[in-house]
Amino acid sequence: MTDYSALLGPDRYDIAVRLSTQYHLDPSQVLFGYLQVVSEVTGGDHATKGALDDPKVMAVINEQFEHFLKRRH
């Protein structure tokens, strides 16, 4: 499974452009989709800032974002 966490880093736009070309999306759709997945997975009453440091949480985010990309493809 691919790690998409770099979409939160300084190279996010370059990565979004590459993914948008691969999945026939606009880069803004890729970025918004990733943020939406992150929000859904880490949101809620018990979310903590450190949740993105948890490998299990990141695995769920990566899996759900990959599903997002494939649904749009």
Protein backbone atom coordinates (compact mmCIF):
# COMPACT_ATOMS: atom_id res chain seq x y z
CA MET A 1 0.00 0.00 0.00
CA THR A 2 1.22 3.47 -0.85
CA ASP A 3 1.97 6.03 1.84
CA TYR A 4 0.21 9.26 0.91
CA SER A 5 1.25 11.23 4.00
CA ALA A 6 3.51 13.45 1.87
CA LEU A 7 0.28 15.12 0.73
CA LEU A 8 0.48 16.98 4.04
CA GLY A 9 4.02 18.16 3.39
CA PRO A 10 5.68 20.89 1.34
CA ASP A 11 5.70 18.82 -1.87
CA ARG A 12 1.96 18.19 -1.73
CA TYR A 13 1.13 20.02 -4.94
CA ASP A 14 3.70 18.11 -7.01
CA ILE A 15 2.40 14.83 -5.63
CA ALA A 16 -1.20 15.89 -6.25
CA VAL A 17 -0.36 16.74 -9.87
CA ARG A 18 1.24 13.32 -10.37
CA LEU A 19 -1.73 11.52 -8.80
CA SER A 20 -4.23 13.65 -10.69
CA THR A 21 -2.62 12.66 -13.97
CA GLN A 22 -2.59 9.01 -12.98
CA TYR A 23 -6.24 8.99 -11.84
CA HIS A 24 -7.64 11.57 -14.31
CA LEU A 25 -8.55 14.09 -11.62
CA ASP A 26 -7.80 17.73 -10.96
CA PRO A 27 -5.00 18.33 -8.41
CA SER A 28 -7.47 20.16 -6.20
CA GLN A 29 -9.69 17.06 -6.12
CA VAL A 30 -6.73 14.98 -4.97
CA LEU A 31 -5.76 17.41 -2.21
CA PHE A 32 -9.33 17.94 -1.04
CA GLY A 33 -10.01 14.20 -1.13
CA TYR A 34 -6.97 13.49 1.01
CA LEU A 35 -7.90 16.14 3.56
CA GLN A 36 -11.44 14.82 3.64
CA VAL A 37 -10.23 11.28 4.36
CA VAL A 38 -7.81 12.52 7.05
CA SER A 39 -10.64 14.47 8.65
CA GLU A 40 -13.01 11.50 8.59
CA VAL A 41 -10.46 9.12 10.07
CA THR A 42 -9.03 11.44 12.73
CA GLY A 43 -12.16 13.47 13.44
CA GLY A 44 -14.55 12.97 16.27
CA ASP A 45 -14.55 13.58 19.98
CA HIS A 46 -11.48 11.47 20.74
CA ALA A 47 -9.12 12.76 18.03
CA THR A 48 -5.73 13.99 19.09
CA LYS A 49 -3.08 15.93 17.25
CA GLY A 50 -0.74 12.95 17.53
CA ALA A 51 -3.14 10.67 15.68
CA LEU A 52 -1.21 11.26 12.46
CA ASP A 53 1.89 9.83 14.16
CA ASP A 54 0.11 6.52 14.78
CA PRO A 55 1.02 3.98 12.07
CA LYS A 56 -2.37 2.27 12.44
CA VAL A 57 -4.21 5.54 11.81
CA MET A 58 -2.00 6.31 8.81
CA ALA A 59 -2.65 2.83 7.41
CA VAL A 60 -6.41 3.45 7.58
CA ILE A 61 -5.99 6.87 5.96
CA ASN A 62 -3.86 5.42 3.15
CA GLU A 63 -6.32 2.59 2.54
CA GLN A 64 -9.35 4.88 2.45
CA PHE A 65 -7.61 7.44 0.25
CA GLU A 66 -6.60 4.72 -2.20
CA HIS A 67 -10.27 3.67 -2.36
CA PHE A 68 -11.18 7.32 -2.97
CA LEU A 69 -8.75 7.53 -5.90
CA LYS A 70 -9.94 4.27 -7.43
CA ARG A 71 -13.62 5.22 -7.10
CA ARG A 72 -12.95 8.44 -8.99
CA HIS A 73 -10.85 6.72 -11.67
